[in-house]
Amino acid sequence: MSKFKWLRAAGLGLAMAGLSGCFFVMSGTVSSTAAKGSTVSAEASDWGILRLSIPEDLTSTVNGQLAGQCPSGKISNVSTELTMREFFLAEMYTVSATGLCQ
């Protein structure tokens, strides 16, 4: 194999390894009795490095977005989900939430 083809194959292999990722999903729900209202949802995401620097304030950002969509400020049946996608050296964290505006 010529040197150029070897470098091209190595570069392609590194790119595939760097762009691939694994998903981890963690979720939680706080529910009350059957509630009526309009559905509101929000999402925030940020990056971390080597699980050493985890993004802060994702949950409070999502909470603020939910409250901003509900004029009364009363939200029930909130369901949250944390998704973490791992890349080679970094992770992308995404927090999403849905609820019912009362």
N, C-alpha and C. Protein backbone atom coordinates (compact mmCIF):
# COMPACT_ATOMS: atom_id res chain seq x y z
N MET A 1 0.86 -1.17 0.00
CA MET A 1 0.00 0.00 0.00
C MET A 1 0.91 1.24 0.00
N SER A 2 0.59 2.18 -0.86
CA SER A 2 1.42 3.37 -0.93
C SER A 2 1.24 4.22 0.32
N LYS A 3 2.17 5.11 0.53
CA LYS A 3 2.15 5.96 1.73
C LYS A 3 0.90 6.85 1.76
N PHE A 4 0.49 7.36 0.61
CA PHE A 4 -0.69 8.22 0.55
C PHE A 4 -1.96 7.45 0.93
N LYS A 5 -2.11 6.25 0.41
CA LYS A 5 -3.28 5.45 0.74
C LYS A 5 -3.31 5.08 2.22
N TRP A 6 -2.14 4.80 2.79
CA TRP A 6 -2.07 4.46 4.22
C TRP A 6 -2.48 5.65 5.07
N LEU A 7 -1.98 6.85 4.73
CA LEU A 7 -2.35 8.06 5.48
C LEU A 7 -3.84 8.35 5.34
N ARG A 8 -4.38 8.16 4.15
CA ARG A 8 -5.80 8.39 3.93
C ARG A 8 -6.65 7.42 4.76
N ALA A 9 -6.25 6.16 4.80
CA ALA A 9 -6.97 5.16 5.59
C ALA A 9 -6.87 5.47 7.08
N ALA A 10 -5.70 5.90 7.54
CA ALA A 10 -5.52 6.24 8.95
C ALA A 10 -6.36 7.46 9.32
N GLY A 11 -6.38 8.47 8.45
CA GLY A 11 -7.19 9.66 8.70
C GLY A 11 -8.67 9.34 8.74
N LEU A 12 -9.12 8.48 7.83
CA LEU A 12 -10.53 8.08 7.83
C LEU A 12 -10.87 7.31 9.10
N GLY A 13 -9.98 6.44 9.54
CA GLY A 13 -10.21 5.69 10.77
C GLY A 13 -10.29 6.59 11.98
N LEU A 14 -9.41 7.58 12.07
CA LEU A 14 -9.44 8.53 13.19
C LEU A 14 -10.71 9.37 13.16
N ALA A 15 -11.13 9.79 11.98
CA ALA A 15 -12.35 10.58 11.86
C ALA A 15 -13.56 9.77 12.29
N MET A 16 -13.62 8.51 11.90
CA MET A 16 -14.75 7.67 12.28
C MET A 16 -14.77 7.44 13.79
N ALA A 17 -13.61 7.24 14.40
CA ALA A 17 -13.55 7.04 15.85
C ALA A 17 -13.94 8.31 16.60
N GLY A 18 -13.54 9.47 16.08
CA GLY A 18 -13.84 10.73 16.75
C GLY A 18 -15.28 11.15 16.62
N LEU A 19 -15.94 10.78 15.53
CA LEU A 19 -17.31 11.21 15.32
C LEU A 19 -18.34 10.21 15.84
N SER A 20 -17.91 9.03 16.17
CA SER A 20 -18.86 8.06 16.72
C SER A 20 -19.13 8.42 18.18
N GLY A 21 -20.20 7.93 18.71
CA GLY A 21 -20.53 8.25 20.10
C GLY A 21 -21.46 7.23 20.69
N CYS A 22 -21.50 7.23 22.01
CA CYS A 22 -22.41 6.37 22.75
C CYS A 22 -23.43 7.25 23.46
N PHE A 23 -24.64 6.75 23.62
CA PHE A 23 -25.69 7.49 24.29
C PHE A 23 -25.98 6.89 25.67
N PHE A 24 -26.21 7.76 26.64
CA PHE A 24 -26.70 7.37 27.95
C PHE A 24 -27.91 8.24 28.24
N VAL A 25 -29.02 7.65 28.64
CA VAL A 25 -30.24 8.40 28.91
C VAL A 25 -30.67 8.12 30.34
N MET A 26 -30.86 9.19 31.10
CA MET A 26 -31.37 9.10 32.45
C MET A 26 -32.60 9.99 32.53
N SER A 27 -33.68 9.51 33.11
CA SER A 27 -34.88 10.34 33.16
C SER A 27 -35.58 10.20 34.50
N GLY A 28 -36.41 11.17 34.79
CA GLY A 28 -37.19 11.17 36.02
C GLY A 28 -38.50 11.89 35.79
N THR A 29 -39.51 11.53 36.56
CA THR A 29 -40.82 12.14 36.41
C THR A 29 -41.39 12.46 37.78
N VAL A 30 -41.99 13.63 37.90
CA VAL A 30 -42.72 14.01 39.09
C VAL A 30 -44.15 14.23 38.64
N SER A 31 -45.04 13.34 39.03
CA SER A 31 -46.43 13.41 38.56
C SER A 31 -47.38 13.54 39.73
N SER A 32 -48.45 14.24 39.50
CA SER A 32 -49.52 14.32 40.48
C SER A 32 -50.73 13.62 39.87
N THR A 33 -51.89 13.89 40.42
CA THR A 33 -53.10 13.30 39.87
C THR A 33 -53.34 13.85 38.47
N ALA A 34 -54.34 13.33 37.83
CA ALA A 34 -54.65 13.78 36.46
C ALA A 34 -54.82 15.29 36.43
N ALA A 35 -54.01 15.93 35.66
CA ALA A 35 -54.04 17.39 35.58
C ALA A 35 -54.40 17.81 34.16
N LYS A 36 -54.98 18.99 34.06
CA LYS A 36 -55.33 19.54 32.77
C LYS A 36 -54.50 20.79 32.55
N GLY A 37 -54.23 21.06 31.30
CA GLY A 37 -53.47 22.25 30.96
C GLY A 37 -52.79 22.08 29.63
N SER A 38 -52.08 23.11 29.23
CA SER A 38 -51.34 23.06 27.96
C SER A 38 -49.93 22.54 28.20
N THR A 39 -49.43 21.79 27.26
CA THR A 39 -48.10 21.20 27.38
C THR A 39 -47.03 22.23 27.06
N VAL A 40 -46.02 22.30 27.91
CA VAL A 40 -44.86 23.15 27.68
C VAL A 40 -43.62 22.25 27.69
N SER A 41 -42.62 22.64 26.91
CA SER A 41 -41.39 21.85 26.88
C SER A 41 -40.19 22.77 26.67
N ALA A 42 -39.03 22.30 27.10
CA ALA A 42 -37.81 23.09 26.99
C ALA A 42 -36.62 22.14 26.88
N GLU A 43 -35.51 22.66 26.38
CA GLU A 43 -34.30 21.86 26.22
C GLU A 43 -33.08 22.76 26.29
N ALA A 44 -32.02 22.26 26.92
CA ALA A 44 -30.75 22.98 26.99
C ALA A 44 -29.63 21.95 26.87
N SER A 45 -28.53 22.35 26.23
CA SER A 45 -27.40 21.43 26.10
C SER A 45 -26.08 22.19 26.20
N ASP A 46 -25.05 21.44 26.57
CA ASP A 46 -23.71 22.01 26.71
C ASP A 46 -22.70 20.86 26.64
N TRP A 47 -21.44 21.21 26.58
CA TRP A 47 -20.36 20.23 26.42
C TRP A 47 -19.56 20.06 27.70
N GLY A 48 -19.02 18.87 27.90
CA GLY A 48 -18.09 18.57 28.97
C GLY A 48 -16.89 17.87 28.37
N ILE A 49 -15.79 17.82 29.13
CA ILE A 49 -14.56 17.21 28.64
C ILE A 49 -14.13 16.11 29.60
N LEU A 50 -13.97 14.90 29.08
CA LEU A 50 -13.46 13.75 29.81
C LEU A 50 -14.19 13.48 31.12
N ARG A 51 -15.42 13.83 31.21
CA ARG A 51 -16.24 13.71 32.42
C ARG A 51 -15.63 14.45 33.61
N LEU A 52 -14.69 15.32 33.34
CA LEU A 52 -14.08 16.12 34.39
C LEU A 52 -14.77 17.47 34.54
N SER A 53 -15.20 18.02 33.44
CA SER A 53 -15.91 19.31 33.48
C SER A 53 -17.33 19.07 32.99
N ILE A 54 -18.24 18.97 33.94
CA ILE A 54 -19.65 18.75 33.64
C ILE A 54 -20.34 20.10 33.60
N PRO A 55 -21.13 20.37 32.58
CA PRO A 55 -21.78 21.68 32.49
C PRO A 55 -22.74 21.92 33.65
N GLU A 56 -22.73 23.14 34.12
CA GLU A 56 -23.60 23.53 35.23
C GLU A 56 -24.81 24.29 34.71
N ASP A 57 -25.82 24.38 35.51
CA ASP A 57 -27.01 25.21 35.26
C ASP A 57 -27.89 24.74 34.11
N LEU A 58 -27.72 23.52 33.61
CA LEU A 58 -28.61 23.04 32.56
C LEU A 58 -30.03 22.91 33.09
N THR A 59 -30.17 22.36 34.29
CA THR A 59 -31.51 22.17 34.87
C THR A 59 -32.18 23.50 35.16
N SER A 60 -31.44 24.45 35.72
CA SER A 60 -32.05 25.75 36.01
C SER A 60 -32.40 26.50 34.73
N THR A 61 -31.62 26.31 33.68
CA THR A 61 -31.95 26.93 32.39
C THR A 61 -33.27 26.37 31.85
N VAL A 62 -33.41 25.05 31.91
CA VAL A 62 -34.65 24.41 31.44
C VAL A 62 -35.83 24.84 32.30
N ASN A 63 -35.64 24.91 33.62
CA ASN A 63 -36.71 25.36 34.51
C ASN A 63 -37.16 26.78 34.16
N GLY A 64 -36.21 27.65 33.90
CA GLY A 64 -36.54 29.02 33.52
C GLY A 64 -37.29 29.09 32.20
N GLN A 65 -36.88 28.23 31.25
CA GLN A 65 -37.59 28.20 29.96
C GLN A 65 -39.02 27.70 30.13
N LEU A 66 -39.21 26.68 30.97
CA LEU A 66 -40.56 26.18 31.24
C LEU A 66 -41.43 27.26 31.88
N ALA A 67 -40.89 27.91 32.89
CA ALA A 67 -41.64 28.96 33.60
C ALA A 67 -41.97 30.13 32.67
N GLY A 68 -41.07 30.44 31.75
CA GLY A 68 -41.31 31.52 30.81
C GLY A 68 -42.44 31.24 29.84
N GLN A 69 -42.73 29.96 29.61
CA GLN A 69 -43.81 29.59 28.70
C GLN A 69 -45.17 29.50 29.39
N CYS A 70 -45.17 29.58 30.72
CA CYS A 70 -46.41 29.42 31.49
C CYS A 70 -46.70 30.71 32.24
N PRO A 71 -47.71 31.47 31.81
CA PRO A 71 -48.00 32.76 32.45
C PRO A 71 -48.30 32.65 33.95
N SER A 72 -48.98 31.59 34.36
CA SER A 72 -49.32 31.46 35.78
C SER A 72 -48.12 31.03 36.62
N GLY A 73 -47.12 30.42 35.98
CA GLY A 73 -45.95 29.95 36.70
C GLY A 73 -46.15 28.61 37.38
N LYS A 74 -47.35 28.05 37.28
CA LYS A 74 -47.64 26.77 37.92
C LYS A 74 -47.55 25.66 36.87
N ILE A 75 -46.58 24.78 37.05
CA ILE A 75 -46.35 23.69 36.11
C ILE A 75 -46.43 22.38 36.88
N SER A 76 -47.19 21.42 36.38
CA SER A 76 -47.31 20.12 37.04
C SER A 76 -46.95 19.01 36.06
N ASN A 77 -46.87 17.78 36.59
CA ASN A 77 -46.54 16.60 35.80
C ASN A 77 -45.26 16.80 34.97
N VAL A 78 -44.23 17.26 35.63
CA VAL A 78 -42.97 17.54 34.95
C VAL A 78 -42.19 16.24 34.75
N SER A 79 -41.72 16.06 33.53
CA SER A 79 -40.89 14.92 33.18
C SER A 79 -39.57 15.45 32.63
N THR A 80 -38.44 15.00 33.21
CA THR A 80 -37.14 15.47 32.75
C THR A 80 -36.33 14.31 32.20
N GLU A 81 -35.40 14.64 31.32
CA GLU A 81 -34.54 13.63 30.73
C GLU A 81 -33.15 14.22 30.52
N LEU A 82 -32.14 13.49 31.00
CA LEU A 82 -30.75 13.88 30.77
C LEU A 82 -30.17 12.89 29.77
N THR A 83 -29.68 13.40 28.66
CA THR A 83 -29.04 12.57 27.66
C THR A 83 -27.58 12.98 27.57
N MET A 84 -26.70 11.99 27.62
CA MET A 84 -25.28 12.27 27.48
C MET A 84 -24.75 11.47 26.29
N ARG A 85 -24.15 12.16 25.35
CA ARG A 85 -23.55 11.50 24.21
C ARG A 85 -22.04 11.65 24.32
N GLU A 86 -21.36 10.52 24.36
CA GLU A 86 -19.91 10.52 24.50
C GLU A 86 -19.24 10.48 23.14
N PHE A 87 -18.31 11.38 22.95
CA PHE A 87 -17.44 11.36 21.79
C PHE A 87 -16.06 10.94 22.28
N PHE A 88 -15.04 11.09 21.49
CA PHE A 88 -13.72 10.60 21.83
C PHE A 88 -13.18 11.23 23.12
N LEU A 89 -13.18 12.54 23.22
CA LEU A 89 -12.67 13.23 24.40
C LEU A 89 -13.72 14.10 25.09
N ALA A 90 -14.86 14.25 24.48
CA ALA A 90 -15.87 15.18 25.01
C ALA A 90 -17.22 14.49 25.10
N GLU A 91 -18.09 15.09 25.89
CA GLU A 91 -19.47 14.62 26.04
C GLU A 91 -20.41 15.79 25.80
N MET A 92 -21.53 15.50 25.18
CA MET A 92 -22.58 16.50 25.01
C MET A 92 -23.73 16.13 25.93
N TYR A 93 -24.06 17.02 26.86
CA TYR A 93 -25.14 16.81 27.82
C TYR A 93 -26.36 17.60 27.35
N THR A 94 -27.50 16.96 27.35
CA THR A 94 -28.76 17.63 26.99
C THR A 94 -29.81 17.31 28.05
N VAL A 95 -30.42 18.35 28.58
CA VAL A 95 -31.52 18.20 29.53
C VAL A 95 -32.78 18.68 28.83
N SER A 96 -33.80 17.84 28.80
CA SER A 96 -35.08 18.24 28.22
C SER A 96 -36.17 17.97 29.25
N ALA A 97 -37.22 18.78 29.23
CA ALA A 97 -38.31 18.65 30.19
C ALA A 97 -39.62 19.01 29.52
N THR A 98 -40.67 18.34 29.95
CA THR A 98 -42.02 18.67 29.52
C THR A 98 -42.91 18.72 30.76
N GLY A 99 -43.95 19.51 30.69
CA GLY A 99 -44.88 19.63 31.81
C GLY A 99 -46.20 20.21 31.34
N LEU A 100 -47.13 20.31 32.27
CA LEU A 100 -48.42 20.88 31.99
C LEU A 100 -48.56 22.24 32.67
N CYS A 101 -48.84 23.26 31.90
CA CYS A 101 -49.05 24.60 32.44
C CYS A 101 -50.49 24.67 32.94
N GLN A 102 -50.65 25.01 34.21
CA GLN A 102 -51.98 25.09 34.83
C GLN A 102 -52.55 26.48 34.69
